Protein backbone atom coordinates (compact mmCIF):
# COMPACT_ATOMS: atom_id res chain seq x y z
CA MET A 1 159.16 90.75 -130.03
CA LYS A 2 156.22 89.67 -132.23
CA ARG A 3 154.15 89.19 -129.10
CA LEU A 4 155.00 92.79 -128.00
CA PHE A 5 153.90 94.24 -131.36
CA SER A 6 150.67 92.25 -131.15
CA ILE A 7 149.91 93.63 -127.67
CA LEU A 8 150.60 97.24 -128.80
CA ALA A 9 148.35 96.80 -131.87
CA LEU A 10 145.50 95.50 -129.76
CA ALA A 11 145.91 98.40 -127.33
CA GLY A 12 145.81 100.95 -130.19
CA LEU A 13 142.68 99.41 -131.66
CA PHE A 14 141.00 99.53 -128.24
CA VAL A 15 141.83 103.23 -127.74
CA LEU A 16 140.66 104.09 -131.27
CA SER A 17 137.38 102.25 -130.81
CA THR A 18 136.85 103.97 -127.43
CA ASN A 19 137.42 107.44 -128.94
CA THR A 20 135.04 106.62 -131.78
CA VAL A 21 132.34 105.55 -129.37
CA ASN A 22 132.85 108.70 -127.26
CA ALA A 23 132.71 110.93 -130.35
CA LYS A 24 129.51 109.28 -131.50
CA ALA A 25 128.01 109.73 -128.04
CA THR A 26 129.02 113.39 -127.94
CA THR A 27 127.56 114.02 -131.39
CA ALA A 28 124.36 112.30 -130.42
CA ASN A 29 124.11 114.45 -127.28
CA VAL A 30 124.68 117.67 -129.30
CA VAL A 31 122.09 116.67 -131.87
CA SER A 32 119.65 115.78 -129.12
CA ASN A 33 120.16 119.09 -127.34
CA LEU A 34 119.83 121.02 -130.62
CA THR A 35 116.61 119.20 -131.46
CA THR A 36 115.21 119.97 -128.00
CA THR A 37 116.10 123.66 -128.36
CA VAL A 38 114.51 123.93 -131.80
CA ALA A 39 111.35 122.25 -130.56
CA ALA A 40 111.13 124.57 -127.57
CA THR A 41 111.64 127.63 -129.79
CA ALA A 42 108.92 126.43 -132.15
CA VAL A 43 106.54 126.00 -129.23
CA MET A 44 107.35 129.51 -127.99
CA LEU A 45 106.76 131.00 -131.43
CA GLN A 46 103.46 129.15 -131.72
CA ASP A 47 102.42 130.51 -128.33
CA GLU A 48 103.43 134.09 -129.17
CA ALA A 49 101.93 134.12 -132.69
CA PRO A 50 98.29 133.97 -131.54
CA ALA A 51 99.02 136.62 -128.90
CA ALA A 52 100.40 138.99 -131.55
CA ALA A 53 97.56 138.17 -133.89
CA ASP A 54 94.99 138.84 -131.17
CA ARG A 55 96.21 142.44 -130.76
CA SER A 56 94.19 144.89 -132.78
CA PHE A 57 95.59 147.78 -134.78
CA GLN A 58 94.38 150.21 -132.12
CA GLN A 59 96.27 148.33 -129.41
CA ILE A 60 99.48 148.28 -131.42
CA LEU A 61 99.09 152.01 -132.17
CA LYS A 62 98.45 152.73 -128.49
CA GLU A 63 101.56 150.80 -127.45
CA MET A 64 103.69 152.66 -129.98
CA TYR A 65 102.23 155.98 -128.78
CA ILE A 66 103.10 155.16 -125.16
CA LYS A 67 106.61 154.04 -126.12
CA GLY A 68 107.12 157.27 -128.04
CA GLY A 69 106.64 159.31 -124.90
CA ALA A 70 103.68 161.44 -123.85
CA GLY A 71 105.53 164.73 -124.23
CA PHE A 72 106.08 165.24 -127.92
CA MET A 73 103.58 162.61 -128.98
CA SER A 74 100.80 164.63 -127.31
CA PHE A 75 101.72 167.71 -129.34
CA VAL A 76 101.73 165.69 -132.55
CA LEU A 77 98.35 164.19 -131.65
CA ILE A 78 96.93 167.68 -130.97
CA CYS A 79 98.13 168.80 -134.41
CA LEU A 80 96.40 165.80 -135.99
CA ILE A 81 93.10 166.37 -134.13
CA LEU A 82 92.96 170.12 -134.82
CA GLY A 83 94.02 169.64 -138.42
CA LEU A 84 91.34 167.02 -139.02
CA ALA A 85 88.73 169.28 -137.37
CA VAL A 86 89.63 172.16 -139.70
CA ALA A 87 89.72 169.88 -142.74
CA ILE A 88 86.33 168.30 -142.01
CA GLU A 89 84.75 171.73 -141.39
CA ARG A 90 86.13 173.07 -144.68
CA ILE A 91 85.04 170.01 -146.65
CA ILE A 92 81.48 170.29 -145.31
CA TYR A 93 81.38 174.02 -146.03
CA LEU A 94 82.74 173.64 -149.56
CA ASN A 95 80.33 170.83 -150.39
CA LEU A 96 77.43 172.98 -149.23
CA ALA A 97 78.82 175.90 -151.24
CA THR A 98 78.90 173.86 -154.44
CA THR A 99 76.10 174.90 -156.78
CA ASN A 100 74.81 173.61 -160.07
CA THR A 101 75.87 176.75 -161.91
CA GLY A 102 74.37 175.66 -165.22
CA LYS A 103 70.93 175.22 -163.68
CA LEU A 104 71.20 178.49 -161.72
CA LYS A 105 72.28 180.38 -164.80
CA GLN A 106 69.31 179.11 -166.75
CA GLN A 107 66.88 179.95 -163.94
CA VAL A 108 68.22 183.51 -163.61
CA GLU A 109 68.09 184.02 -167.36
CA ASP A 110 64.47 182.78 -167.51
CA ALA A 111 63.52 184.97 -164.53
CA LEU A 112 65.06 188.04 -166.17
CA ALA A 113 63.15 187.38 -169.35
CA SER A 114 59.80 186.75 -167.64
CA GLY A 115 59.78 188.80 -164.41
CA GLY A 116 62.69 191.19 -164.63
CA VAL A 117 65.45 191.86 -162.11
CA GLU A 118 63.32 191.30 -159.01
CA ALA A 119 62.29 187.86 -160.15
CA ALA A 120 65.94 186.98 -160.83
CA LYS A 121 66.94 188.27 -157.38
CA GLU A 122 64.26 186.07 -155.82
CA VAL A 123 65.78 183.04 -157.54
CA CYS A 124 69.21 183.95 -156.13
CA ARG A 125 67.81 184.43 -152.62
CA ASN A 126 66.37 180.92 -152.68
CA THR A 127 69.68 179.37 -153.81
CA LYS A 128 72.64 178.68 -151.53
CA GLY A 129 76.27 179.12 -152.44
CA PRO A 130 78.72 181.88 -153.40
CA VAL A 131 77.68 181.88 -157.04
CA ALA A 132 74.09 182.74 -156.13
CA SER A 133 75.34 185.45 -153.75
CA ILE A 134 77.45 187.01 -156.51
CA TYR A 135 74.47 186.89 -158.85
CA TYR A 136 72.34 188.66 -156.24
CA GLN A 137 74.89 191.44 -155.69
CA GLY A 138 75.22 192.01 -159.43
CA LEU A 139 71.44 192.08 -159.93
CA ASP A 140 71.06 194.43 -156.98
CA ARG A 141 73.25 196.99 -158.79
CA ALA A 142 71.71 196.35 -162.19
CA GLY A 143 69.39 199.35 -161.82
CA GLU A 144 72.36 201.74 -161.75
CA SER A 145 74.44 200.55 -164.68
CA VAL A 146 76.18 197.49 -166.07
CA GLU A 147 79.53 198.90 -164.93
CA ALA A 148 78.27 199.24 -161.37
CA ALA A 149 76.97 195.68 -161.47
CA GLU A 150 80.33 194.47 -162.75
CA LYS A 151 82.20 196.24 -159.94
CA ALA A 152 79.82 194.76 -157.37
CA VAL A 153 80.36 191.27 -158.80
CA VAL A 154 84.16 191.63 -158.70
CA SER A 155 84.20 193.06 -155.17
CA TYR A 156 81.82 190.50 -153.72
CA GLY A 157 83.69 187.72 -155.53
CA GLY A 158 86.77 188.61 -153.49
CA VAL A 159 84.71 188.45 -150.30
CA GLN A 160 83.36 185.02 -151.21
CA MET A 161 86.85 183.77 -152.05
CA GLY A 162 88.00 184.82 -148.58
CA GLN A 163 85.13 182.84 -147.08
CA LEU A 164 86.13 179.78 -149.06
CA GLU A 165 89.76 179.99 -147.93
CA LYS A 166 88.89 180.62 -144.28
CA ASN A 167 91.00 178.56 -141.79
CA VAL A 168 92.92 176.83 -144.60
CA SER A 169 96.10 178.58 -143.43
CA TRP A 170 95.73 176.81 -140.06
CA LEU A 171 95.68 173.49 -141.85
CA SER A 172 98.93 174.31 -143.64
CA LEU A 173 100.40 175.36 -140.28
CA PHE A 174 99.61 171.98 -138.71
CA ILE A 175 101.12 170.23 -141.73
CA ALA A 176 104.37 172.13 -141.19
CA ILE A 177 104.47 171.83 -137.39
CA ALA A 178 103.77 168.08 -137.04
CA PRO A 179 107.00 166.80 -138.66
CA MET A 180 108.97 169.56 -136.93
CA LEU A 181 107.76 168.30 -133.55
CA GLY A 182 108.68 164.77 -134.61
CA PHE A 183 112.17 165.84 -135.61
CA MET A 184 112.56 167.74 -132.34
CA GLY A 185 111.68 164.57 -130.44
CA THR A 186 114.28 162.73 -132.52
CA VAL A 187 116.99 165.26 -131.69
CA ILE A 188 116.15 165.22 -127.97
CA GLY A 189 116.11 161.42 -127.91
CA MET A 190 119.54 161.27 -129.56
CA ILE A 191 120.91 163.85 -127.12
CA GLN A 192 119.70 161.76 -124.19
CA ALA A 193 121.27 158.65 -125.73
CA PHE A 194 124.67 160.35 -126.11
CA GLU A 195 124.43 161.71 -122.57
CA LYS A 196 124.03 158.17 -121.26
CA ILE A 197 126.96 156.98 -123.35
CA ALA A 198 129.12 159.79 -122.01
CA ALA A 199 128.08 159.09 -118.41
CA VAL A 200 128.67 155.32 -118.54
CA GLY A 201 131.72 155.43 -120.79
CA ASN A 202 130.86 152.52 -123.06
CA LEU A 203 128.52 151.93 -125.99
CA SER A 204 125.76 149.50 -125.07
CA ALA A 205 122.79 148.86 -127.32
CA SER A 206 120.47 148.17 -124.37
CA LEU A 207 121.54 151.44 -122.74
CA ILE A 208 120.43 153.71 -125.59
CA ALA A 209 117.78 151.56 -127.29
CA GLY A 210 114.92 153.23 -125.43
CA ASP A 211 115.99 156.77 -126.30
CA ILE A 212 116.53 155.88 -129.96
CA GLN A 213 113.10 154.21 -130.07
CA VAL A 214 111.48 157.37 -128.70
CA ALA A 215 113.33 159.44 -131.29
CA LEU A 216 112.23 157.28 -134.21
CA LEU A 217 108.61 156.95 -133.06
CA THR A 218 108.13 160.71 -132.72
CA THR A 219 109.47 161.19 -136.24
CA VAL A 220 107.20 158.47 -137.66
CA PHE A 221 104.05 159.85 -136.04
CA GLY A 222 104.94 163.40 -137.08
CA LEU A 223 105.37 162.35 -140.69
CA ILE A 224 102.15 160.29 -140.67
CA THR A 225 100.24 163.30 -139.31
CA ALA A 226 101.66 165.57 -142.00
CA ILE A 227 100.85 163.08 -144.77
CA ILE A 228 97.23 162.67 -143.65
CA LEU A 229 96.65 166.42 -143.36
CA GLN A 230 98.40 167.07 -146.67
CA ILE A 231 95.93 164.82 -148.47
CA PHE A 232 92.99 166.75 -147.01
CA TYR A 233 94.71 170.06 -147.78
CA ASN A 234 95.16 169.20 -151.45
CA TYR A 235 91.53 168.10 -151.73
CA ILE A 236 90.35 171.37 -150.15
CA ILE A 237 92.52 173.50 -152.42
CA ALA A 238 91.26 171.65 -155.50
CA LYS A 239 87.65 172.14 -154.32
CA ILE A 240 88.23 175.87 -153.77
CA ASP A 241 89.78 176.26 -157.22
CA SER A 242 86.78 174.52 -158.78
CA ILE A 243 84.31 176.82 -157.01
CA VAL A 244 86.34 179.93 -157.88
CA ASN A 245 86.38 178.95 -161.54
CA ASP A 246 82.59 178.55 -161.44
CA MET A 247 82.31 181.97 -159.79
CA GLU A 248 84.40 183.66 -162.48
CA ASP A 249 82.57 181.95 -165.32
CA SER A 250 79.19 182.76 -163.78
CA SER A 251 80.17 186.40 -163.28
CA ILE A 252 80.92 186.79 -166.97
CA SER A 253 77.63 185.11 -167.85
CA LEU A 254 75.74 187.45 -165.50
CA ILE A 255 77.23 190.57 -167.07
CA ASP A 256 76.32 189.24 -170.51
CA MET A 257 72.74 188.61 -169.35
CA LEU A 258 72.47 192.13 -167.90
CA VAL A 259 73.76 193.66 -171.11
CA ASP A 260 71.18 191.71 -173.12
CA HIS A 261 68.46 192.69 -170.65
CA LYS A 262 69.30 196.40 -170.99
CA LYS A 263 68.88 196.31 -174.72
């Protein structure tokens, strides 16, 4: 009986040691495989990192534009190009229309005192900008009366304000249309995604990922276009307000100069 128990104990120890060796071997294999996978992933990431870094911003933007679809993205791009064209034209015009009103006022006042109205008109003819044009119109009616000169200044001031605000309404239109086109692309992309879900009968991320990507990209580009044009629009409006304030202040100064000249 003791010999039987001894044999059974030896057999149990052998099985236990065998299982322990197998478990250690399995664990070693798992660790080895995991290490190999991590190393391969690290190599892949190292290979892809330079490729992503080599791409320029223009290439990334071009890829996103192509992924967004040529349909709605083209309309958004047209809004951006036309809006920038209008904004640049207005900025150039307004900068050329800006006048040193203090210097002009002093020159007109000196010309009135030394050479009369004709000398002051000559100064205005040689000066660019709406303020000089208003001065010229007021001086041109100075021979009639101060009231007539004041009416001419007010009337021509409205004309000059219209010239300053020319095409600005188109810029505001592009600001409003760009995000609308982006949102329309979003809605159409979502409709296409739900149509695919309804046709297949199951919800698969790979099935609708492309349509959702198109929807989001059109919205992003529409909002970016609107933000860029809005910045230019606010600058243009502030520039127009500054010139209009100079026009109003200069008009009052001109009437005062004419009144003093009549005395």
